[in-house]
């Protein structure tokens, strides 16, 4: 396995819808393993392929504190949702930035697992947020797109500062 390089908001793949996956062979398996390793290494709760510069419809999620329940979503889609919640969220592609975002409080997702088998899963609370956040990434949407223009500007400024600080440490 290998750690993948995270891309920041300026990377063009973050703003493009991804391509569906049809080949579930060894290359995809390696990508999924590398995405999981990268997500855990940076202490994330989710990671979309776009965040590592790939344009395929794949995301991984694990909202447990002990990283024991990894979920692999290939070609995911939200098929139902209900209620509303507002949660503080961040994004690995906008380091150091958090903002309150309204999303559905419950969602039902249909996806394929790493071997191509279809499944459906429901989530509420943090899992519902993670599903929506990662699927948005796969559709070319960032969480800041759901904020007012003023809040977007503030988050982008914080992200630039955090990125500069991170680059100085490297």
N, C-alpha and C. Protein backbone atom coordinates (compact mmCIF):
# COMPACT_ATOMS: atom_id res chain seq x y z
N UNK A 1 0.84 -1.18 0.00
CA UNK A 1 0.00 0.00 0.00
C UNK A 1 0.88 1.24 0.00
N UNK A 2 0.28 2.35 -0.40
CA UNK A 2 1.02 3.60 -0.50
C UNK A 2 0.13 4.77 -0.12
N UNK A 3 0.74 5.77 0.48
CA UNK A 3 0.01 7.00 0.76
C UNK A 3 -0.14 7.79 -0.53
N UNK A 4 -1.32 8.32 -0.75
CA UNK A 4 -1.60 9.12 -1.93
C UNK A 4 -1.49 10.60 -1.59
N UNK A 5 -1.16 11.40 -2.57
CA UNK A 5 -1.03 12.84 -2.38
C UNK A 5 -2.41 13.50 -2.43
N UNK A 6 -2.77 14.19 -1.36
CA UNK A 6 -4.03 14.93 -1.33
C UNK A 6 -3.89 16.18 -2.19
N UNK A 7 -4.97 16.54 -2.87
CA UNK A 7 -4.97 17.76 -3.67
C UNK A 7 -5.81 18.81 -2.96
N UNK A 8 -5.48 20.09 -3.20
CA UNK A 8 -6.25 21.15 -2.56
C UNK A 8 -7.33 21.67 -3.51
N UNK A 9 -8.05 22.66 -3.05
CA UNK A 9 -9.21 23.16 -3.78
C UNK A 9 -8.90 23.61 -5.21
N UNK A 10 -7.66 23.98 -5.48
CA UNK A 10 -7.32 24.48 -6.81
C UNK A 10 -7.21 23.36 -7.87
N UNK A 11 -7.18 22.11 -7.45
CA UNK A 11 -7.03 21.01 -8.41
C UNK A 11 -8.30 20.86 -9.25
N UNK A 12 -8.18 20.81 -10.58
CA UNK A 12 -9.37 20.77 -11.44
C UNK A 12 -10.27 19.55 -11.24
N UNK A 13 -9.73 18.40 -10.83
CA UNK A 13 -10.57 17.22 -10.64
C UNK A 13 -11.61 17.41 -9.53
N UNK A 14 -11.35 18.31 -8.59
CA UNK A 14 -12.31 18.52 -7.51
C UNK A 14 -13.60 19.18 -8.01
N UNK A 15 -13.56 19.75 -9.19
CA UNK A 15 -14.73 20.46 -9.72
C UNK A 15 -15.39 19.74 -10.89
N UNK A 16 -14.96 18.52 -11.17
CA UNK A 16 -15.54 17.76 -12.28
C UNK A 16 -16.27 16.53 -11.75
N UNK A 17 -17.42 16.21 -12.33
CA UNK A 17 -18.06 14.93 -11.99
C UNK A 17 -17.16 13.77 -12.40
N UNK A 18 -17.18 12.74 -11.62
CA UNK A 18 -16.32 11.58 -11.87
C UNK A 18 -16.94 10.60 -12.86
N UNK A 19 -16.11 9.68 -13.32
CA UNK A 19 -16.55 8.66 -14.26
C UNK A 19 -16.90 7.38 -13.51
N UNK A 20 -18.00 6.73 -13.91
CA UNK A 20 -18.37 5.46 -13.25
C UNK A 20 -17.28 4.41 -13.42
N UNK A 21 -17.18 3.54 -12.44
CA UNK A 21 -16.22 2.44 -12.46
C UNK A 21 -16.89 1.22 -13.07
N UNK A 22 -16.20 0.56 -14.00
CA UNK A 22 -16.72 -0.68 -14.56
C UNK A 22 -15.72 -1.83 -14.40
N UNK A 23 -14.46 -1.52 -14.15
CA UNK A 23 -13.42 -2.54 -13.99
C UNK A 23 -13.07 -2.66 -12.50
N UNK A 24 -13.38 -3.79 -11.92
CA UNK A 24 -13.15 -4.03 -10.49
C UNK A 24 -11.91 -4.89 -10.26
N UNK A 25 -10.94 -4.76 -11.15
CA UNK A 25 -9.73 -5.57 -11.10
C UNK A 25 -8.70 -5.08 -10.09
N UNK A 26 -7.49 -5.57 -10.27
CA UNK A 26 -6.39 -5.32 -9.34
C UNK A 26 -6.06 -3.84 -9.18
N UNK A 27 -6.14 -3.07 -10.26
CA UNK A 27 -5.82 -1.63 -10.15
C UNK A 27 -6.79 -0.93 -9.20
N UNK A 28 -8.08 -1.22 -9.33
CA UNK A 28 -9.06 -0.61 -8.45
C UNK A 28 -8.83 -1.06 -7.00
N UNK A 29 -8.53 -2.33 -6.81
CA UNK A 29 -8.29 -2.83 -5.45
C UNK A 29 -7.13 -2.08 -4.80
N UNK A 30 -6.07 -1.83 -5.57
CA UNK A 30 -4.92 -1.09 -5.05
C UNK A 30 -5.29 0.34 -4.71
N UNK A 31 -6.06 0.98 -5.59
CA UNK A 31 -6.51 2.35 -5.33
C UNK A 31 -7.32 2.41 -4.04
N UNK A 32 -8.24 1.48 -3.85
CA UNK A 32 -9.07 1.47 -2.64
C UNK A 32 -8.20 1.28 -1.41
N UNK A 33 -7.27 0.33 -1.45
CA UNK A 33 -6.38 0.11 -0.30
C UNK A 33 -5.57 1.36 0.00
N UNK A 34 -5.05 2.00 -1.04
CA UNK A 34 -4.25 3.22 -0.86
C UNK A 34 -5.11 4.37 -0.33
N UNK A 35 -6.35 4.46 -0.79
CA UNK A 35 -7.24 5.52 -0.28
C UNK A 35 -7.55 5.30 1.20
N UNK A 36 -7.80 4.06 1.60
CA UNK A 36 -8.06 3.79 3.01
C UNK A 36 -6.83 4.13 3.85
N UNK A 37 -5.65 3.72 3.41
CA UNK A 37 -4.43 4.01 4.15
C UNK A 37 -4.23 5.53 4.27
N UNK A 38 -4.46 6.23 3.19
CA UNK A 38 -4.30 7.70 3.20
C UNK A 38 -5.31 8.34 4.13
N UNK A 39 -6.57 7.92 4.07
CA UNK A 39 -7.60 8.49 4.93
C UNK A 39 -7.24 8.31 6.40
N UNK A 40 -6.80 7.11 6.76
CA UNK A 40 -6.44 6.86 8.16
C UNK A 40 -5.19 7.64 8.56
N UNK A 41 -4.23 7.76 7.68
CA UNK A 41 -2.99 8.47 7.98
C UNK A 41 -3.24 9.95 8.29
N UNK A 42 -4.19 10.57 7.58
CA UNK A 42 -4.47 11.99 7.79
C UNK A 42 -5.64 12.21 8.75
N UNK A 43 -6.09 11.11 9.36
CA UNK A 43 -7.14 11.17 10.37
C UNK A 43 -8.45 11.71 9.81
N UNK A 44 -8.79 11.31 8.60
CA UNK A 44 -10.04 11.71 7.98
C UNK A 44 -11.15 10.71 8.25
N UNK A 45 -12.39 11.15 8.05
CA UNK A 45 -13.55 10.28 8.19
C UNK A 45 -14.03 9.79 6.83
N UNK A 46 -13.51 10.39 5.77
CA UNK A 46 -13.89 10.00 4.42
C UNK A 46 -12.89 10.55 3.43
N UNK A 47 -12.85 9.93 2.27
CA UNK A 47 -11.94 10.37 1.21
C UNK A 47 -12.54 9.96 -0.13
N UNK A 48 -12.68 10.93 -1.02
CA UNK A 48 -13.17 10.66 -2.37
C UNK A 48 -11.98 10.61 -3.32
N UNK A 49 -12.11 9.85 -4.38
CA UNK A 49 -11.02 9.70 -5.35
C UNK A 49 -10.58 11.05 -5.91
N UNK A 50 -11.50 11.98 -6.05
CA UNK A 50 -11.14 13.31 -6.56
C UNK A 50 -10.13 14.00 -5.66
N UNK A 51 -10.14 13.69 -4.38
CA UNK A 51 -9.24 14.34 -3.43
C UNK A 51 -7.80 13.85 -3.54
N UNK A 52 -7.61 12.80 -4.32
CA UNK A 52 -6.25 12.32 -4.60
C UNK A 52 -5.98 12.41 -6.10
N UNK A 53 -6.75 13.28 -6.77
CA UNK A 53 -6.50 13.58 -8.17
C UNK A 53 -7.06 12.59 -9.18
N UNK A 54 -7.89 11.66 -8.74
CA UNK A 54 -8.46 10.65 -9.64
C UNK A 54 -9.88 11.05 -10.04
N UNK A 55 -10.29 10.68 -11.24
CA UNK A 55 -11.63 11.05 -11.71
C UNK A 55 -12.57 9.86 -11.79
N UNK A 56 -12.42 8.94 -10.85
CA UNK A 56 -13.29 7.76 -10.81
C UNK A 56 -14.26 7.88 -9.64
N UNK A 57 -15.40 7.23 -9.77
CA UNK A 57 -16.49 7.35 -8.79
C UNK A 57 -16.29 6.35 -7.64
N UNK A 58 -15.32 6.68 -6.77
CA UNK A 58 -14.97 5.84 -5.62
C UNK A 58 -14.75 6.72 -4.40
N UNK A 59 -15.28 6.26 -3.26
CA UNK A 59 -15.04 6.95 -1.99
C UNK A 59 -14.90 5.89 -0.89
N UNK A 60 -14.18 6.28 0.15
CA UNK A 60 -14.06 5.43 1.33
C UNK A 60 -14.47 6.27 2.54
N UNK A 61 -15.07 5.61 3.52
CA UNK A 61 -15.57 6.29 4.72
C UNK A 61 -15.32 5.39 5.92
N UNK A 62 -14.97 6.00 7.04
CA UNK A 62 -14.95 5.31 8.33
C UNK A 62 -15.14 6.38 9.40
N UNK A 63 -16.33 6.43 9.99
CA UNK A 63 -16.64 7.46 10.98
C UNK A 63 -16.40 6.97 12.40
N UNK A 64 -15.85 5.77 12.57
CA UNK A 64 -15.57 5.26 13.91
C UNK A 64 -14.27 5.85 14.43
N UNK A 65 -14.19 6.05 15.73
CA UNK A 65 -12.98 6.63 16.32
C UNK A 65 -11.81 5.65 16.30
N UNK A 66 -12.10 4.36 16.25
CA UNK A 66 -11.01 3.37 16.25
C UNK A 66 -10.73 2.78 14.86
N UNK A 67 -11.33 3.36 13.84
CA UNK A 67 -11.09 2.96 12.44
C UNK A 67 -11.32 1.47 12.21
N UNK A 68 -12.46 0.99 12.66
CA UNK A 68 -12.75 -0.44 12.54
C UNK A 68 -13.89 -0.77 11.58
N UNK A 69 -14.50 0.25 10.96
CA UNK A 69 -15.63 -0.02 10.09
C UNK A 69 -15.48 0.71 8.75
N UNK A 70 -14.45 0.36 7.99
CA UNK A 70 -14.28 1.02 6.69
C UNK A 70 -15.40 0.65 5.72
N UNK A 71 -15.89 1.67 5.02
CA UNK A 71 -16.90 1.47 3.99
C UNK A 71 -16.29 1.86 2.64
N UNK A 72 -16.54 1.05 1.65
CA UNK A 72 -16.10 1.34 0.29
C UNK A 72 -17.34 1.58 -0.54
N UNK A 73 -17.37 2.73 -1.22
CA UNK A 73 -18.50 3.08 -2.06
C UNK A 73 -18.01 3.28 -3.48
N UNK A 74 -18.43 2.41 -4.37
CA UNK A 74 -18.10 2.53 -5.78
C UNK A 74 -19.40 2.84 -6.51
N UNK A 75 -19.36 3.87 -7.33
CA UNK A 75 -20.54 4.33 -8.07
C UNK A 75 -21.74 4.63 -7.15
N UNK A 76 -21.50 5.34 -6.03
CA UNK A 76 -22.60 5.57 -5.09
C UNK A 76 -23.58 6.63 -5.56
N UNK A 77 -24.79 6.51 -5.05
CA UNK A 77 -25.82 7.51 -5.28
C UNK A 77 -26.75 7.54 -4.08
N UNK A 78 -27.24 8.71 -3.76
CA UNK A 78 -28.23 8.85 -2.69
C UNK A 78 -29.59 8.59 -3.32
N UNK A 79 -30.31 7.62 -2.76
CA UNK A 79 -31.60 7.26 -3.33
C UNK A 79 -32.78 7.73 -2.48
N UNK A 80 -32.50 8.18 -1.25
CA UNK A 80 -33.57 8.71 -0.41
C UNK A 80 -32.93 9.54 0.69
N UNK A 81 -33.67 10.51 1.19
CA UNK A 81 -33.18 11.34 2.29
C UNK A 81 -34.36 11.90 3.06
N UNK A 82 -34.09 12.30 4.30
CA UNK A 82 -35.14 12.87 5.14
C UNK A 82 -34.51 13.75 6.22
N UNK A 83 -35.32 14.58 6.80
CA UNK A 83 -34.98 15.49 7.88
C UNK A 83 -33.84 16.43 7.50
N UNK A 84 -33.39 17.19 8.47
CA UNK A 84 -32.32 18.15 8.20
C UNK A 84 -31.45 18.27 9.44
N UNK A 85 -30.17 18.45 9.22
CA UNK A 85 -29.24 18.68 10.32
C UNK A 85 -28.21 19.71 9.88
N UNK A 86 -27.65 20.41 10.83
CA UNK A 86 -26.56 21.32 10.56
C UNK A 86 -25.36 20.82 11.35
N UNK A 87 -24.26 20.59 10.65
CA UNK A 87 -23.06 20.07 11.31
C UNK A 87 -21.85 20.88 10.91
N UNK A 88 -20.94 21.04 11.85
CA UNK A 88 -19.63 21.61 11.55
C UNK A 88 -18.85 20.57 10.77
N UNK A 89 -18.30 20.99 9.64
CA UNK A 89 -17.53 20.03 8.87
C UNK A 89 -16.31 20.69 8.29
N UNK A 90 -15.35 19.83 8.00
CA UNK A 90 -14.13 20.26 7.33
C UNK A 90 -13.92 19.40 6.11
N UNK A 91 -12.79 19.59 5.48
CA UNK A 91 -12.49 18.84 4.26
C UNK A 91 -10.98 18.72 4.12
N UNK A 92 -10.52 17.55 3.78
CA UNK A 92 -9.08 17.33 3.61
C UNK A 92 -8.51 18.18 2.48
N UNK A 93 -9.35 18.62 1.56
CA UNK A 93 -8.89 19.46 0.45
C UNK A 93 -8.91 20.95 0.80
N UNK A 94 -9.43 21.26 1.97
CA UNK A 94 -9.43 22.63 2.50
C UNK A 94 -8.91 22.54 3.94
N UNK A 95 -7.62 22.27 4.10
CA UNK A 95 -7.08 21.97 5.43
C UNK A 95 -7.28 23.11 6.43
N UNK A 96 -7.62 22.71 7.65
CA UNK A 96 -7.76 23.68 8.72
C UNK A 96 -9.03 24.50 8.70
N UNK A 97 -9.96 24.18 7.83
CA UNK A 97 -11.18 24.99 7.68
C UNK A 97 -12.42 24.18 8.07
N UNK A 98 -13.25 24.83 8.85
CA UNK A 98 -14.51 24.22 9.29
C UNK A 98 -15.62 25.23 9.10
N UNK A 99 -16.82 24.73 8.82
CA UNK A 99 -17.99 25.59 8.70
C UNK A 99 -19.25 24.76 8.93
N UNK A 100 -20.29 25.41 9.41
CA UNK A 100 -21.58 24.74 9.62
C UNK A 100 -22.32 24.64 8.29
N UNK A 101 -22.75 23.43 7.95
CA UNK A 101 -23.45 23.18 6.69
C UNK A 101 -24.73 22.40 6.96
N UNK A 102 -25.81 22.80 6.29
CA UNK A 102 -27.08 22.07 6.39
C UNK A 102 -27.09 20.94 5.37
N UNK A 103 -27.49 19.78 5.85
CA UNK A 103 -27.64 18.61 4.99
C UNK A 103 -28.79 17.76 5.53
N UNK A 104 -29.12 16.72 4.79
CA UNK A 104 -30.13 15.78 5.26
C UNK A 104 -29.62 15.06 6.51
N UNK A 105 -30.50 14.80 7.45
CA UNK A 105 -30.14 14.10 8.68
C UNK A 105 -30.14 12.60 8.53
N UNK A 106 -30.78 12.11 7.47
CA UNK A 106 -30.83 10.67 7.18
C UNK A 106 -30.78 10.50 5.67
N UNK A 107 -29.97 9.55 5.23
CA UNK A 107 -29.91 9.23 3.80
C UNK A 107 -29.85 7.72 3.59
N UNK A 108 -30.28 7.32 2.42
CA UNK A 108 -30.14 5.94 1.99
C UNK A 108 -29.29 5.97 0.72
N UNK A 109 -28.25 5.17 0.71
CA UNK A 109 -27.28 5.16 -0.38
C UNK A 109 -27.31 3.80 -1.08
N UNK A 110 -27.18 3.84 -2.38
CA UNK A 110 -26.99 2.62 -3.17
C UNK A 110 -25.62 2.73 -3.81
N UNK A 111 -24.81 1.66 -3.66
CA UNK A 111 -23.45 1.66 -4.18
C UNK A 111 -23.03 0.23 -4.50
N UNK A 112 -21.83 0.12 -5.02
CA UNK A 112 -21.22 -1.18 -5.21
C UNK A 112 -20.04 -1.28 -4.24
N UNK A 113 -19.77 -2.49 -3.78
CA UNK A 113 -18.61 -2.68 -2.92
C UNK A 113 -17.36 -2.83 -3.79
N UNK A 114 -16.23 -3.09 -3.20
CA UNK A 114 -14.98 -3.14 -3.94
C UNK A 114 -14.94 -4.27 -4.98
N UNK A 115 -15.86 -5.22 -4.88
CA UNK A 115 -15.90 -6.34 -5.83
C UNK A 115 -17.03 -6.21 -6.85
N UNK A 116 -17.77 -5.09 -6.79
CA UNK A 116 -18.82 -4.84 -7.76
C UNK A 116 -20.21 -5.26 -7.33
N UNK A 117 -20.34 -5.80 -6.13
CA UNK A 117 -21.66 -6.22 -5.63
C UNK A 117 -22.45 -4.99 -5.15
N UNK A 118 -23.70 -4.89 -5.61
CA UNK A 118 -24.54 -3.77 -5.20
C UNK A 118 -25.03 -3.96 -3.77
N UNK A 119 -25.16 -2.84 -3.06
CA UNK A 119 -25.73 -2.86 -1.72
C UNK A 119 -26.41 -1.52 -1.46
N UNK A 120 -27.29 -1.52 -0.47
CA UNK A 120 -27.91 -0.28 0.00
C UNK A 120 -27.63 -0.16 1.48
N UNK A 121 -27.46 1.08 1.92
CA UNK A 121 -27.15 1.32 3.32
C UNK A 121 -27.77 2.65 3.75
N UNK A 122 -28.28 2.67 4.97
CA UNK A 122 -28.84 3.90 5.53
C UNK A 122 -27.84 4.49 6.52
N UNK A 123 -27.88 5.80 6.64
CA UNK A 123 -27.03 6.46 7.62
C UNK A 123 -27.73 7.68 8.16
N UNK A 124 -27.46 7.99 9.42
CA UNK A 124 -27.97 9.22 10.01
C UNK A 124 -26.84 9.89 10.78
N UNK A 125 -27.04 11.15 11.13
CA UNK A 125 -26.01 11.87 11.87
C UNK A 125 -24.72 11.99 11.07
N UNK A 126 -23.61 11.68 11.72
CA UNK A 126 -22.30 11.84 11.09
C UNK A 126 -22.13 10.95 9.87
N UNK A 127 -22.73 9.75 9.88
CA UNK A 127 -22.61 8.88 8.71
C UNK A 127 -23.39 9.47 7.53
N UNK A 128 -24.56 10.02 7.79
CA UNK A 128 -25.32 10.66 6.71
C UNK A 128 -24.53 11.82 6.13
N UNK A 129 -23.91 12.60 7.00
CA UNK A 129 -23.09 13.73 6.54
C UNK A 129 -21.92 13.23 5.69
N UNK A 130 -21.25 12.17 6.15
CA UNK A 130 -20.11 11.63 5.41
C UNK A 130 -20.53 11.12 4.03
N UNK A 131 -21.64 10.41 3.96
CA UNK A 131 -22.14 9.95 2.66
C UNK A 131 -22.34 11.13 1.72
N UNK A 132 -23.05 12.16 2.21
CA UNK A 132 -23.36 13.31 1.36
C UNK A 132 -22.10 14.08 0.97
N UNK A 133 -21.18 14.25 1.91
CA UNK A 133 -19.94 14.98 1.65
C UNK A 133 -19.11 14.29 0.56
N UNK A 134 -18.94 12.98 0.69
CA UNK A 134 -18.10 12.25 -0.28
C UNK A 134 -18.79 12.13 -1.64
N UNK A 135 -20.08 11.90 -1.66
CA UNK A 135 -20.80 11.82 -2.94
C UNK A 135 -20.80 13.19 -3.62
N UNK A 136 -20.92 14.26 -2.84
CA UNK A 136 -20.78 15.59 -3.43
C UNK A 136 -19.42 15.72 -4.11
N UNK A 137 -18.37 15.29 -3.45
CA UNK A 137 -17.03 15.34 -4.08
C UNK A 137 -17.05 14.64 -5.43
N UNK A 138 -17.68 13.48 -5.49
CA UNK A 138 -17.71 12.70 -6.73
C UNK A 138 -18.53 13.40 -7.82
N UNK A 139 -19.38 14.35 -7.40
CA UNK A 139 -20.17 15.15 -8.34
C UNK A 139 -19.54 16.51 -8.63
N UNK A 140 -18.34 16.75 -8.09
CA UNK A 140 -17.64 18.01 -8.34
C UNK A 140 -18.08 19.15 -7.43
N UNK A 141 -18.65 18.81 -6.27
CA UNK A 141 -19.16 19.81 -5.33
C UNK A 141 -18.35 19.76 -4.04
N UNK A 142 -17.94 20.93 -3.54
CA UNK A 142 -17.26 21.03 -2.25
C UNK A 142 -18.23 21.57 -1.20
N UNK A 143 -17.96 21.29 0.06
CA UNK A 143 -18.87 21.74 1.10
C UNK A 143 -19.00 23.26 1.13
N UNK A 144 -17.97 23.97 0.72
CA UNK A 144 -18.05 25.44 0.74
C UNK A 144 -19.05 25.97 -0.29
N UNK A 145 -19.39 25.16 -1.28
CA UNK A 145 -20.38 25.57 -2.26
C UNK A 145 -21.76 25.76 -1.63
N UNK A 146 -21.94 25.20 -0.45
CA UNK A 146 -23.22 25.28 0.24
C UNK A 146 -23.27 26.46 1.21
N UNK A 147 -22.20 27.26 1.22
CA UNK A 147 -22.10 28.42 2.11
C UNK A 147 -22.41 29.71 1.36
N UNK A 148 -22.68 30.76 2.10
CA UNK A 148 -22.88 32.08 1.49
C UNK A 148 -21.56 32.55 0.89
N UNK A 149 -21.61 33.47 -0.07
CA UNK A 149 -20.36 33.97 -0.68
C UNK A 149 -19.37 34.53 0.35
N UNK A 150 -19.86 35.22 1.37
CA UNK A 150 -18.97 35.78 2.39
C UNK A 150 -18.28 34.66 3.18
N UNK A 151 -19.05 33.65 3.58
CA UNK A 151 -18.46 32.52 4.31
C UNK A 151 -17.49 31.75 3.44
N UNK A 152 -17.80 31.61 2.14
CA UNK A 152 -16.87 30.94 1.22
C UNK A 152 -15.54 31.67 1.21
N UNK A 153 -15.60 32.98 1.12
CA UNK A 153 -14.38 33.78 1.08
C UNK A 153 -13.56 33.59 2.35
N UNK A 154 -14.22 33.60 3.49
CA UNK A 154 -13.53 33.42 4.77
C UNK A 154 -12.88 32.04 4.86
N UNK A 155 -13.59 31.02 4.44
CA UNK A 155 -13.04 29.66 4.49
C UNK A 155 -11.85 29.53 3.55
N UNK A 156 -11.97 30.09 2.37
CA UNK A 156 -10.85 30.03 1.41
C UNK A 156 -9.61 30.74 1.95
N UNK A 157 -9.80 31.86 2.62
CA UNK A 157 -8.67 32.59 3.20
C UNK A 157 -8.00 31.75 4.29
N UNK A 158 -8.81 31.11 5.14
CA UNK A 158 -8.24 30.23 6.18
C UNK A 158 -7.50 29.06 5.55
N UNK A 159 -8.06 28.51 4.47
CA UNK A 159 -7.42 27.37 3.80
C UNK A 159 -6.07 27.77 3.22
N UNK A 160 -5.99 28.94 2.61
CA UNK A 160 -4.72 29.41 2.04
C UNK A 160 -3.67 29.58 3.13
N UNK A 161 -4.07 30.15 4.26
CA UNK A 161 -3.14 30.33 5.38
C UNK A 161 -2.67 28.97 5.91
N UNK A 162 -3.59 28.05 6.07
CA UNK A 162 -3.24 26.72 6.57
C UNK A 162 -2.31 26.00 5.60
N UNK A 163 -2.56 26.15 4.30
CA UNK A 163 -1.73 25.50 3.29
C UNK A 163 -0.31 26.07 3.30
N UNK A 164 -0.20 27.40 3.41
CA UNK A 164 1.12 28.04 3.48
C UNK A 164 1.89 27.56 4.71
N UNK A 165 1.19 27.47 5.82
CA UNK A 165 1.81 27.00 7.06
C UNK A 165 2.29 25.56 6.91
N UNK A 166 1.46 24.74 6.28
CA UNK A 166 1.78 23.34 6.04
C UNK A 166 3.00 23.21 5.11
N UNK A 167 3.06 24.04 4.08
CA UNK A 167 4.18 24.00 3.14
C UNK A 167 5.48 24.45 3.79
N UNK A 168 5.41 25.39 4.72
CA UNK A 168 6.62 25.84 5.42
C UNK A 168 7.18 24.74 6.29
N UNK A 169 6.29 23.90 6.86
CA UNK A 169 6.73 22.79 7.70
C UNK A 169 7.39 21.68 6.89
N UNK A 170 6.99 21.57 5.63
CA UNK A 170 7.51 20.46 4.78
C UNK A 170 8.93 20.69 4.35
